[in-house]
Amino acid sequence: MSTNRRSFLSALGATGAVSAIAASKAVSQTVQSTSTSPPNAPIFATPSAESRALTGKVAIVTGARANLGRAFALAFARQGADVVVHYHRAETIGEAEETARLVREQGSRAALAQGDLGQATNVKQMFDVAFNEFGRVDILVNNAGAIVKKPIADVTDEDLEQMININTRGNFLCTREAARRLADNGRIINIATSLLAGAAPNYAAYAGSKAIVEEMTRMGARELGGRGITVNSVAPGPVDTPFFHSMETPQTTEFAANLAVARRLGMVSDIVPLVEFLALPSAQWITGQTIWINGGYLTR
């Protein structure tokens, strides 16, 4: 196994990596043989001391136990920020603790916060952890999400409630708490979806619950801009993680991969640099935007 592949699997977490490999094995030869892009660079390169532009800042990353959330947390730690690692279910604490350990390896501090973010008390407690441990919050990444892929006729009341609770209500409650408690010149970065740029069958409940993120991004940027706070959305396309593969077959994975210009799925290492950049002081003039990052999978 190559060094880059090991880095990617480490970012996913051991349990999720196994399912990702199994689901994508059937299409890996097709994707690799047609891709014109260079191999992915290691996700967690150590920066020079001069590049630690987030030293003294504190970031909250929701859904940070594994996958993209873990990668965002480590990117901020690389830049010098302390990180609150949020995870949803108590039984996933082991993965969250591993993320925290990796953050500390980057020379930053880490704290854990657990809970369903569709409940306002849990959101408040998550921010309390940041203030109690580190004294402030500068960056919020609304990364936690849930997904369901079903025809509209088959979506249950429970499916819809889960989508709304995590993707809609959770995002709003976290943004509301950030509006109250984020430091001036802070950053709110919402993780949306490229499905907002096109109509993909069977994703109505998921994409619909994510659609509000775009509007909150625009309104948040207007309301909070006077304090120097930027609010942006990052809208990834299909990314080679367990989150994506949990709803897909080898056939639909191959179809999705071939829609990108390089005819492959996105990788964690494709998405992280954009989120990392939006958190930096140099991104101050970018706000109110939804940025599509999908290799040409969908555009708008």
C-alpha atoms as a PDB file:
ATOM      1  CA  MET A   1       0.000   0.000   0.000  1.00  0.00           C
ATOM      2  CA  SER A   2       1.363   3.402  -0.972  1.00  0.00           C
ATOM      3  CA  THR A   3       2.146   6.137   1.552  1.00  0.00           C
ATOM      4  CA  ASN A   4      -0.612   8.345   0.098  1.00  0.00           C
ATOM      5  CA  ARG A   5      -3.175   5.562   0.384  1.00  0.00           C
ATOM      6  CA  ARG A   6      -2.207   4.928   4.013  1.00  0.00           C
ATOM      7  CA  SER A   7      -2.586   8.658   4.733  1.00  0.00           C
ATOM      8  CA  PHE A   8      -6.053   8.626   3.199  1.00  0.00           C
ATOM      9  CA  LEU A   9      -7.151   5.573   5.172  1.00  0.00           C
ATOM     10  CA  SER A  10      -5.838   7.133   8.372  1.00  0.00           C
ATOM     11  CA  ALA A  11      -7.973  10.199   7.725  1.00  0.00           C
ATOM     12  CA  LEU A  12     -11.065   8.063   7.244  1.00  0.00           C
ATOM     13  CA  GLY A  13     -10.610   5.952  10.344  1.00  0.00           C
ATOM     14  CA  ALA A  14     -10.029   2.206  10.283  1.00  0.00           C
ATOM     15  CA  THR A  15     -13.678   1.077  10.319  1.00  0.00           C
ATOM     16  CA  GLY A  16     -14.855   3.422   7.598  1.00  0.00           C
ATOM     17  CA  ALA A  17     -11.855   2.747   5.383  1.00  0.00           C
ATOM     18  CA  VAL A  18     -12.731  -0.935   5.030  1.00  0.00           C
ATOM     19  CA  SER A  19     -16.198  -0.169   3.708  1.00  0.00           C
ATOM     20  CA  ALA A  20     -14.874   2.508   1.364  1.00  0.00           C
ATOM     21  CA  ILE A  21     -12.366   0.098  -0.174  1.00  0.00           C
ATOM     22  CA  ALA A  22     -14.957  -2.623  -0.617  1.00  0.00           C
ATOM     23  CA  ALA A  23     -17.485  -0.329  -2.258  1.00  0.00           C
ATOM     24  CA  SER A  24     -15.038   1.277  -4.683  1.00  0.00           C
ATOM     25  CA  LYS A  25     -12.999  -1.810  -5.640  1.00  0.00           C
ATOM     26  CA  ALA A  26     -15.200  -2.608  -8.607  1.00  0.00           C
ATOM     27  CA  VAL A  27     -14.570   0.757 -10.227  1.00  0.00           C
ATOM     28  CA  SER A  28     -11.019   1.491  -9.160  1.00  0.00           C
ATOM     29  CA  GLN A  29      -9.436   0.154 -12.370  1.00  0.00           C
ATOM     30  CA  THR A  30     -11.781   2.206 -14.553  1.00  0.00           C
ATOM     31  CA  VAL A  31     -11.141   5.372 -12.594  1.00  0.00           C
ATOM     32  CA  GLN A  32      -7.386   4.903 -12.398  1.00  0.00           C
ATOM     33  CA  SER A  33      -7.002   4.033 -16.067  1.00  0.00           C
ATOM     34  CA  THR A  34      -8.894   7.105 -17.267  1.00  0.00           C
ATOM     35  CA  SER A  35      -7.765   9.690 -14.718  1.00  0.00           C
ATOM     36  CA  THR A  36      -5.350  12.328 -15.967  1.00  0.00           C
ATOM     37  CA  SER A  37      -4.804  13.913 -12.579  1.00  0.00           C
ATOM     38  CA  PRO A  38      -1.596  13.428 -10.582  1.00  0.00           C
ATOM     39  CA  PRO A  39      -1.553  11.219  -7.474  1.00  0.00           C
ATOM     40  CA  ASN A  40      -3.054  12.823  -4.411  1.00  0.00           C
ATOM     41  CA  ALA A  41      -0.560  14.595  -2.182  1.00  0.00           C
ATOM     42  CA  PRO A  42      -0.362  13.516   1.460  1.00  0.00           C
ATOM     43  CA  ILE A  43      -3.180  15.124   3.448  1.00  0.00           C
ATOM     44  CA  PHE A  44      -1.215  15.931   6.572  1.00  0.00           C
ATOM     45  CA  ALA A  45       2.048  17.557   5.555  1.00  0.00           C
ATOM     46  CA  THR A  46       3.756  19.447   8.353  1.00  0.00           C
ATOM     47  CA  PRO A  47       3.947  23.213   7.625  1.00  0.00           C
ATOM     48  CA  SER A  48       6.784  25.507   8.448  1.00  0.00           C
ATOM     49  CA  ALA A  49       6.550  27.626  11.589  1.00  0.00           C
ATOM     50  CA  GLU A  50       5.914  30.718   9.452  1.00  0.00           C
ATOM     51  CA  SER A  51       2.791  29.186   7.885  1.00  0.00           C
ATOM     52  CA  ARG A  52       0.927  28.534  11.162  1.00  0.00           C
ATOM     53  CA  ALA A  53      -1.454  31.376  10.401  1.00  0.00           C
ATOM     54  CA  LEU A  54      -4.153  30.221  12.840  1.00  0.00           C
ATOM     55  CA  THR A  55      -1.994  30.234  15.957  1.00  0.00           C
ATOM     56  CA  GLY A  56      -4.089  31.517  18.863  1.00  0.00           C
ATOM     57  CA  LYS A  57      -7.368  30.689  17.101  1.00  0.00           C
ATOM     58  CA  VAL A  58      -9.929  28.084  18.164  1.00  0.00           C
ATOM     59  CA  ALA A  59     -11.964  25.986  15.738  1.00  0.00           C
ATOM     60  CA  ILE A  60     -15.054  23.867  16.265  1.00  0.00           C
ATOM     61  CA  VAL A  61     -15.483  21.118  13.678  1.00  0.00           C
ATOM     62  CA  THR A  62     -18.771  19.241  13.854  1.00  0.00           C
ATOM     63  CA  GLY A  63     -18.797  15.599  12.833  1.00  0.00           C
ATOM     64  CA  ALA A  64     -15.023  15.453  13.248  1.00  0.00           C
ATOM     65  CA  ARG A  65     -14.573  11.842  14.378  1.00  0.00           C
ATOM     66  CA  ALA A  66     -13.517  10.660  10.879  1.00  0.00           C
ATOM     67  CA  ASN A  67     -13.761  11.334   7.130  1.00  0.00           C
ATOM     68  CA  LEU A  68     -13.759  14.980   6.013  1.00  0.00           C
ATOM     69  CA  GLY A  69     -14.361  16.278   9.535  1.00  0.00           C
ATOM     70  CA  ARG A  70     -11.185  14.675  10.846  1.00  0.00           C
ATOM     71  CA  ALA A  71      -9.223  16.047   7.913  1.00  0.00           C
ATOM     72  CA  PHE A  72     -10.530  19.590   8.529  1.00  0.00           C
ATOM     73  CA  ALA A  73      -9.620  19.359  12.213  1.00  0.00           C
ATOM     74  CA  LEU A  74      -6.068  18.303  11.398  1.00  0.00           C
ATOM     75  CA  ALA A  75      -5.684  20.998   8.759  1.00  0.00           C
ATOM     76  CA  PHE A  76      -6.559  23.676  11.316  1.00  0.00           C
ATOM     77  CA  ALA A  77      -4.216  22.093  13.850  1.00  0.00           C
ATOM     78  CA  ARG A  78      -1.451  22.174  11.256  1.00  0.00           C
ATOM     79  CA  GLN A  79      -2.041  25.902  11.008  1.00  0.00           C
ATOM     80  CA  GLY A  80      -1.768  26.306  14.785  1.00  0.00           C
ATOM     81  CA  ALA A  81      -5.434  26.372  15.857  1.00  0.00           C
ATOM     82  CA  ASP A  82      -6.808  24.527  18.880  1.00  0.00           C
ATOM     83  CA  VAL A  83      -9.750  22.312  17.946  1.00  0.00           C
ATOM     84  CA  VAL A  84     -13.010  21.166  19.501  1.00  0.00           C
ATOM     85  CA  VAL A  85     -13.745  17.747  18.004  1.00  0.00           C
ATOM     86  CA  HIS A  86     -17.491  17.132  17.896  1.00  0.00           C
ATOM     87  CA  TYR A  87     -18.996  13.677  17.464  1.00  0.00           C
ATOM     88  CA  HIS A  88     -22.645  12.636  17.489  1.00  0.00           C
ATOM     89  CA  ARG A  89     -23.037   9.161  18.982  1.00  0.00           C
ATOM     90  CA  ALA A  90     -21.467   8.078  22.275  1.00  0.00           C
ATOM     91  CA  GLU A  91     -20.337   4.773  20.756  1.00  0.00           C
ATOM     92  CA  THR A  92     -18.011   6.593  18.332  1.00  0.00           C
ATOM     93  CA  ILE A  93     -15.940   8.205  21.077  1.00  0.00           C
ATOM     94  CA  GLY A  94     -12.943   6.043  20.153  1.00  0.00           C
ATOM     95  CA  GLU A  95     -12.736   7.597  16.698  1.00  0.00           C
ATOM     96  CA  ALA A  96     -13.210  11.083  18.140  1.00  0.00           C
ATOM     97  CA  GLU A  97     -10.415  10.474  20.631  1.00  0.00           C
ATOM     98  CA  GLU A  98      -8.186   9.393  17.747  1.00  0.00           C
ATOM     99  CA  THR A  99      -8.906  12.659  15.945  1.00  0.00           C
ATOM    100  CA  ALA A 100      -8.037  14.555  19.124  1.00  0.00           C
ATOM    101  CA  ARG A 101      -4.802  12.597  19.458  1.00  0.00           C
ATOM    102  CA  LEU A 102      -3.832  13.456  15.883  1.00  0.00           C
ATOM    103  CA  VAL A 103      -4.617  17.129  16.516  1.00  0.00           C
ATOM    104  CA  ARG A 104      -2.274  17.105  19.514  1.00  0.00           C
ATOM    105  CA  GLU A 105       0.432  15.492  17.396  1.00  0.00           C
ATOM    106  CA  GLN A 106       0.322  18.647  15.271  1.00  0.00           C
ATOM    107  CA  GLY A 107       1.223  20.706  18.349  1.00  0.00           C
ATOM    108  CA  SER A 108      -2.288  22.024  19.031  1.00  0.00           C
ATOM    109  CA  ARG A 109      -4.741  21.420  21.852  1.00  0.00           C
ATOM    110  CA  ALA A 110      -7.932  19.393  21.431  1.00  0.00           C
ATOM    111  CA  ALA A 111     -11.181  18.931  23.355  1.00  0.00           C
ATOM    112  CA  LEU A 112     -14.164  16.662  22.744  1.00  0.00           C
ATOM    113  CA  ALA A 113     -17.866  17.554  22.542  1.00  0.00           C
ATOM    114  CA  GLN A 114     -20.602  14.965  21.986  1.00  0.00           C
ATOM    115  CA  GLY A 115     -24.270  15.251  21.160  1.00  0.00           C
ATOM    116  CA  ASP A 116     -27.117  15.575  18.682  1.00  0.00           C
ATOM    117  CA  LEU A 117     -26.757  19.056  17.225  1.00  0.00           C
ATOM    118  CA  GLY A 118     -30.441  19.169  16.399  1.00  0.00           C
ATOM    119  CA  GLN A 119     -30.872  19.973  20.108  1.00  0.00           C
ATOM    120  CA  ALA A 120     -30.046  23.546  21.105  1.00  0.00           C
ATOM    121  CA  THR A 121     -28.745  22.516  24.537  1.00  0.00           C
ATOM    122  CA  ASN A 122     -26.091  20.296  22.919  1.00  0.00           C
ATOM    123  CA  VAL A 123     -24.997  23.090  20.617  1.00  0.00           C
ATOM    124  CA  LYS A 124     -24.636  25.463  23.554  1.00  0.00           C
ATOM    125  CA  GLN A 125     -22.667  22.865  25.498  1.00  0.00           C
ATOM    126  CA  MET A 126     -20.324  22.380  22.522  1.00  0.00           C
ATOM    127  CA  PHE A 127     -19.523  26.097  22.498  1.00  0.00           C
ATOM    128  CA  ASP A 128     -19.199  25.998  26.288  1.00  0.00           C
ATOM    129  CA  VAL A 129     -16.505  23.330  25.905  1.00  0.00           C
ATOM    130  CA  ALA A 130     -14.570  25.653  23.600  1.00  0.00           C
ATOM    131  CA  PHE A 131     -14.826  28.606  25.971  1.00  0.00           C
ATOM    132  CA  ASN A 132     -14.080  26.562  29.083  1.00  0.00           C
ATOM    133  CA  GLU A 133     -11.055  24.861  27.524  1.00  0.00           C
ATOM    134  CA  PHE A 134      -9.673  27.556  25.243  1.00  0.00           C
ATOM    135  CA  GLY A 135     -11.459  30.821  26.058  1.00  0.00           C
ATOM    136  CA  ARG A 136     -12.876  31.647  22.637  1.00  0.00           C
ATOM    137  CA  VAL A 137     -14.195  30.414  19.281  1.00  0.00           C
ATOM    138  CA  ASP A 138     -12.937  31.800  15.967  1.00  0.00           C
ATOM    139  CA  ILE A 139     -13.912  29.166  13.402  1.00  0.00           C
ATOM    140  CA  LEU A 140     -16.994  26.997  13.014  1.00  0.00           C
ATOM    141  CA  VAL A 141     -17.175  24.269  10.384  1.00  0.00           C
ATOM    142  CA  ASN A 142     -20.719  22.933  10.012  1.00  0.00           C
ATOM    143  CA  ASN A 143     -19.641  19.544   8.707  1.00  0.00           C
ATOM    144  CA  ALA A 144     -21.934  17.089  10.541  1.00  0.00           C
ATOM    145  CA  GLY A 145     -24.499  15.579   8.213  1.00  0.00           C
ATOM    146  CA  ALA A 146     -26.717  12.621   7.433  1.00  0.00           C
ATOM    147  CA  ILE A 147     -27.680  11.146   4.075  1.00  0.00           C
ATOM    148  CA  VAL A 148     -30.479   9.045   2.643  1.00  0.00           C
ATOM    149  CA  LYS A 149     -30.965   7.980  -0.967  1.00  0.00           C
ATOM    150  CA  LYS A 150     -34.499   6.876  -1.764  1.00  0.00           C
ATOM    151  CA  PRO A 151     -37.265   7.704  -4.226  1.00  0.00           C
ATOM    152  CA  ILE A 152     -39.550  10.365  -2.781  1.00  0.00           C
ATOM    153  CA  ALA A 153     -42.367   7.826  -2.477  1.00  0.00           C
ATOM    154  CA  ASP A 154     -40.181   5.627  -0.249  1.00  0.00           C
ATOM    155  CA  VAL A 155     -38.858   8.309   2.099  1.00  0.00           C
ATOM    156  CA  THR A 156     -40.276   7.613   5.552  1.00  0.00           C
ATOM    157  CA  ASP A 157     -41.260  10.177   8.146  1.00  0.00           C
ATOM    158  CA  GLU A 158     -38.251   9.016  10.164  1.00  0.00           C
ATOM    159  CA  ASP A 159     -35.914   9.526   7.175  1.00  0.00           C
ATOM    160  CA  LEU A 160     -37.192  13.053   6.658  1.00  0.00           C
ATOM    161  CA  GLU A 161     -36.946  13.925  10.334  1.00  0.00           C
ATOM    162  CA  GLN A 162     -33.339  12.729  10.440  1.00  0.00           C
ATOM    163  CA  MET A 163     -32.402  14.815   7.385  1.00  0.00           C
ATOM    164  CA  ILE A 164     -34.050  17.931   8.774  1.00  0.00           C
ATOM    165  CA  ASN A 165     -32.723  17.428  12.309  1.00  0.00           C
ATOM    166  CA  ILE A 166     -29.065  17.086  11.340  1.00  0.00           C
ATOM    167  CA  ASN A 167     -28.680  18.831   7.992  1.00  0.00           C
ATOM    168  CA  THR A 168     -31.111  21.712   8.515  1.00  0.00           C
ATOM    169  CA  ARG A 169     -31.860  22.311  12.183  1.00  0.00           C
ATOM    170  CA  GLY A 170     -28.355  21.350  13.342  1.00  0.00           C
ATOM    171  CA  ASN A 171     -26.713  23.688  10.851  1.00  0.00           C
ATOM    172  CA  PHE A 172     -29.023  26.552  11.813  1.00  0.00           C
ATOM    173  CA  LEU A 173     -28.574  26.084  15.562  1.00  0.00           C
ATOM    174  CA  CYS A 174     -24.776  25.987  15.242  1.00  0.00           C
ATOM    175  CA  THR A 175     -24.797  29.088  13.042  1.00  0.00           C
ATOM    176  CA  ARG A 176     -27.079  30.879  15.506  1.00  0.00           C
ATOM    177  CA  GLU A 177     -24.768  30.086  18.423  1.00  0.00           C
ATOM    178  CA  ALA A 178     -21.779  31.217  16.360  1.00  0.00           C
ATOM    179  CA  ALA A 179     -23.556  34.504  15.581  1.00  0.00           C
ATOM    180  CA  ARG A 180     -23.840  35.061  19.329  1.00  0.00           C
ATOM    181  CA  ARG A 181     -20.400  33.895  20.446  1.00  0.00           C
ATOM    182  CA  LEU A 182     -17.903  33.847  17.561  1.00  0.00           C
ATOM    183  CA  ALA A 183     -14.994  36.256  17.881  1.00  0.00           C
ATOM    184  CA  ASP A 184     -14.803  39.224  15.543  1.00  0.00           C
ATOM    185  CA  ASN A 185     -13.080  38.396  12.229  1.00  0.00           C
ATOM    186  CA  GLY A 186     -14.178  34.798  12.674  1.00  0.00           C
ATOM    187  CA  ARG A 187     -15.146  32.219  10.073  1.00  0.00           C
ATOM    188  CA  ILE A 188     -18.241  30.096   9.492  1.00  0.00           C
ATOM    189  CA  ILE A 189     -17.744  27.410   6.855  1.00  0.00           C
ATOM    190  CA  ASN A 190     -20.747  25.313   5.897  1.00  0.00           C
ATOM    191  CA  ILE A 191     -20.379  21.984   4.137  1.00  0.00           C
ATOM    192  CA  ALA A 192     -23.151  21.789   1.553  1.00  0.00           C
ATOM    193  CA  THR A 193     -23.417  19.496  -1.483  1.00  0.00           C
ATOM    194  CA  SER A 194     -22.928  19.793  -5.225  1.00  0.00           C
ATOM    195  CA  LEU A 195     -26.382  18.206  -5.613  1.00  0.00           C
ATOM    196  CA  LEU A 196     -27.699  21.752  -5.128  1.00  0.00           C
ATOM    197  CA  ALA A 197     -26.381  22.470  -8.625  1.00  0.00           C
ATOM    198  CA  GLY A 198     -28.334  19.668 -10.312  1.00  0.00           C
ATOM    199  CA  ALA A 199     -31.255  17.286  -9.927  1.00  0.00           C
ATOM    200  CA  ALA A 200     -30.071  13.790  -9.021  1.00  0.00           C
ATOM    201  CA  PRO A 201     -32.860  11.214  -8.656  1.00  0.00           C
ATOM    202  CA  ASN A 202     -33.479   9.743  -5.185  1.00  0.00           C
ATOM    203  CA  TYR A 203     -31.689  12.521  -3.310  1.00  0.00           C
ATOM    204  CA  ALA A 204     -34.660  14.831  -2.746  1.00  0.00           C
ATOM    205  CA  ALA A 205     -34.710  14.459   1.047  1.00  0.00           C
ATOM    206  CA  TYR A 206     -30.949  14.933   1.387  1.00  0.00           C
ATOM    207  CA  ALA A 207     -30.515  17.782  -1.094  1.00  0.00           C
ATOM    208  CA  GLY A 208     -33.687  19.468   0.143  1.00  0.00           C
ATOM    209  CA  SER A 209     -32.464  19.444   3.730  1.00  0.00           C
ATOM    210  CA  LYS A 210     -29.155  20.930   2.579  1.00  0.00           C
ATOM    211  CA  ALA A 211     -30.693  23.664   0.427  1.00  0.00           C
ATOM    212  CA  ILE A 212     -31.212  25.927   3.434  1.00  0.00           C
ATOM    213  CA  VAL A 213     -27.443  26.029   3.935  1.00  0.00           C
ATOM    214  CA  GLU A 214     -27.006  28.242   0.871  1.00  0.00           C
ATOM    215  CA  GLU A 215     -29.563  30.770   2.077  1.00  0.00           C
ATOM    216  CA  MET A 216     -28.119  30.843   5.612  1.00  0.00           C
ATOM    217  CA  THR A 217     -24.704  31.432   4.064  1.00  0.00           C
ATOM    218  CA  ARG A 218     -25.905  34.503   2.175  1.00  0.00           C
ATOM    219  CA  MET A 219     -27.903  35.919   5.078  1.00  0.00           C
ATOM    220  CA  GLY A 220     -25.183  35.146   7.618  1.00  0.00           C
ATOM    221  CA  ALA A 221     -22.572  36.907   5.520  1.00  0.00           C
ATOM    222  CA  ARG A 222     -24.753  40.039   5.388  1.00  0.00           C
ATOM    223  CA  GLU A 223     -25.669  40.044   9.064  1.00  0.00           C
ATOM    224  CA  LEU A 224     -22.232  39.246  10.490  1.00  0.00           C
ATOM    225  CA  GLY A 225     -20.000  41.010   7.979  1.00  0.00           C
ATOM    226  CA  GLY A 226     -19.881  44.171  10.065  1.00  0.00           C
ATOM    227  CA  ARG A 227     -17.888  42.228  12.658  1.00  0.00           C
ATOM    228  CA  GLY A 228     -15.455  40.942  10.046  1.00  0.00           C
ATOM    229  CA  ILE A 229     -16.976  37.445  10.169  1.00  0.00           C
ATOM    230  CA  THR A 230     -17.107  35.638   6.834  1.00  0.00           C
ATOM    231  CA  VAL A 231     -19.681  32.947   6.042  1.00  0.00           C
ATOM    232  CA  ASN A 232     -19.193  30.598   3.105  1.00  0.00           C
ATOM    233  CA  SER A 233     -20.393  27.224   1.885  1.00  0.00           C
ATOM    234  CA  VAL A 234     -18.224  24.546   0.336  1.00  0.00           C
ATOM    235  CA  ALA A 235     -20.221  22.180  -1.880  1.00  0.00           C
ATOM    236  CA  PRO A 236     -18.319  18.953  -2.603  1.00  0.00           C
ATOM    237  CA  GLY A 237     -19.321  16.435  -5.207  1.00  0.00           C
ATOM    238  CA  PRO A 238     -18.944  12.683  -4.634  1.00  0.00           C
ATOM    239  CA  VAL A 239     -15.970  12.089  -2.317  1.00  0.00           C
ATOM    240  CA  ASP A 240     -14.384   8.678  -1.772  1.00  0.00           C
ATOM    241  CA  THR A 241     -15.453   8.238   1.853  1.00  0.00           C
ATOM    242  CA  PRO A 242     -17.808   5.855   3.686  1.00  0.00           C
ATOM    243  CA  PHE A 243     -20.382   8.674   3.801  1.00  0.00           C
ATOM    244  CA  PHE A 244     -20.702   8.547  -0.008  1.00  0.00           C
ATOM    245  CA  HIS A 245     -20.376   4.786  -0.396  1.00  0.00           C
ATOM    246  CA  SER A 246     -23.023   4.061   2.230  1.00  0.00           C
ATOM    247  CA  MET A 247     -25.718   4.986  -0.317  1.00  0.00           C
ATOM    248  CA  GLU A 248     -24.091   3.747  -3.526  1.00  0.00           C
ATOM    249  CA  THR A 249     -23.463   0.557  -5.496  1.00  0.00           C
ATOM    250  CA  PRO A 250     -20.357  -0.144  -7.598  1.00  0.00           C
ATOM    251  CA  GLN A 251     -22.413   0.770 -10.668  1.00  0.00           C
ATOM    252  CA  THR A 252     -23.620   4.134  -9.352  1.00  0.00           C
ATOM    253  CA  THR A 253     -20.128   4.860  -8.018  1.00  0.00           C
ATOM    254  CA  GLU A 254     -18.676   4.299 -11.484  1.00  0.00           C
ATOM    255  CA  PHE A 255     -21.331   6.528 -13.031  1.00  0.00           C
ATOM    256  CA  ALA A 256     -20.613   9.335 -10.563  1.00  0.00           C
ATOM    257  CA  ALA A 257     -16.864   9.030 -11.045  1.00  0.00           C
ATOM    258  CA  ASN A 258     -17.174   9.309 -14.813  1.00  0.00           C
ATOM    259  CA  LEU A 259     -19.108  12.593 -14.575  1.00  0.00           C
ATOM    260  CA  ALA A 260     -15.990  14.402 -13.321  1.00  0.00           C
ATOM    261  CA  VAL A 261     -13.605  15.636 -15.997  1.00  0.00           C
ATOM    262  CA  ALA A 262     -10.815  13.435 -14.608  1.00  0.00           C
ATOM    263  CA  ARG A 263     -13.242  10.476 -14.381  1.00  0.00           C
ATOM    264  CA  ARG A 264     -12.640   9.758 -10.719  1.00  0.00           C
ATOM    265  CA  LEU A 265     -14.242  10.443  -7.363  1.00  0.00           C
ATOM    266  CA  GLY A 266     -13.020  13.344  -5.297  1.00  0.00           C
ATOM    267  CA  MET A 267     -10.598  12.602  -2.487  1.00  0.00           C
ATOM    268  CA  VAL A 268     -10.436  14.038   1.009  1.00  0.00           C
ATOM    269  CA  SER A 269      -7.215  15.757  -0.031  1.00  0.00           C
ATOM    270  CA  ASP A 270      -9.076  17.576  -2.833  1.00  0.00           C
ATOM    271  CA  ILE A 271     -11.514  19.234  -0.410  1.00  0.00           C
ATOM    272  CA  VAL A 272      -9.349  20.084   2.597  1.00  0.00           C
ATOM    273  CA  PRO A 273      -7.215  22.870   1.022  1.00  0.00           C
ATOM    274  CA  LEU A 274     -10.265  24.975   0.178  1.00  0.00           C
ATOM    275  CA  VAL A 275     -11.753  24.743   3.686  1.00  0.00           C
ATOM    276  CA  GLU A 276      -8.339  25.438   5.188  1.00  0.00           C
ATOM    277  CA  PHE A 277      -7.900  28.515   2.981  1.00  0.00           C
ATOM    278  CA  LEU A 278     -11.326  29.931   3.855  1.00  0.00           C
ATOM    279  CA  ALA A 279     -10.331  29.859   7.540  1.00  0.00           C
ATOM    280  CA  LEU A 280      -7.188  31.933   6.970  1.00  0.00           C
ATOM    281  CA  PRO A 281      -6.910  35.713   7.404  1.00  0.00           C
ATOM    282  CA  SER A 282      -6.077  36.011   3.698  1.00  0.00           C
ATOM    283  CA  ALA A 283      -9.607  34.828   2.777  1.00  0.00           C
ATOM    284  CA  GLN A 284     -11.262  37.895   4.352  1.00  0.00           C
ATOM    285  CA  TRP A 285     -12.695  39.163   1.051  1.00  0.00           C
ATOM    286  CA  ILE A 286     -14.542  35.912   0.296  1.00  0.00           C
ATOM    287  CA  THR A 287     -17.946  35.784   1.964  1.00  0.00           C
ATOM    288  CA  GLY A 288     -21.533  34.846   1.151  1.00  0.00           C
ATOM    289  CA  GLN A 289     -20.350  32.353  -1.451  1.00  0.00           C
ATOM    290  CA  THR A 290     -21.156  28.753  -2.290  1.00  0.00           C
ATOM    291  CA  ILE A 291     -18.045  27.254  -3.835  1.00  0.00           C
ATOM    292  CA  TRP A 292     -18.460  24.116  -5.917  1.00  0.00           C
ATOM    293  CA  ILE A 293     -15.595  21.650  -5.589  1.00  0.00           C
ATOM    294  CA  ASN A 294     -16.292  18.550  -7.629  1.00  0.00           C
ATOM    295  CA  GLY A 295     -13.897  18.209 -10.578  1.00  0.00           C
ATOM    296  CA  GLY A 296     -16.538  19.445 -13.026  1.00  0.00           C
ATOM    297  CA  TYR A 297     -19.155  16.919 -11.834  1.00  0.00           C
ATOM    298  CA  LEU A 298     -21.769  19.696 -11.696  1.00  0.00           C
ATOM    299  CA  THR A 299     -21.454  23.432 -12.235  1.00  0.00           C
ATOM    300  CA  ARG A 300     -23.670  26.455 -11.739  1.00  0.00           C
END
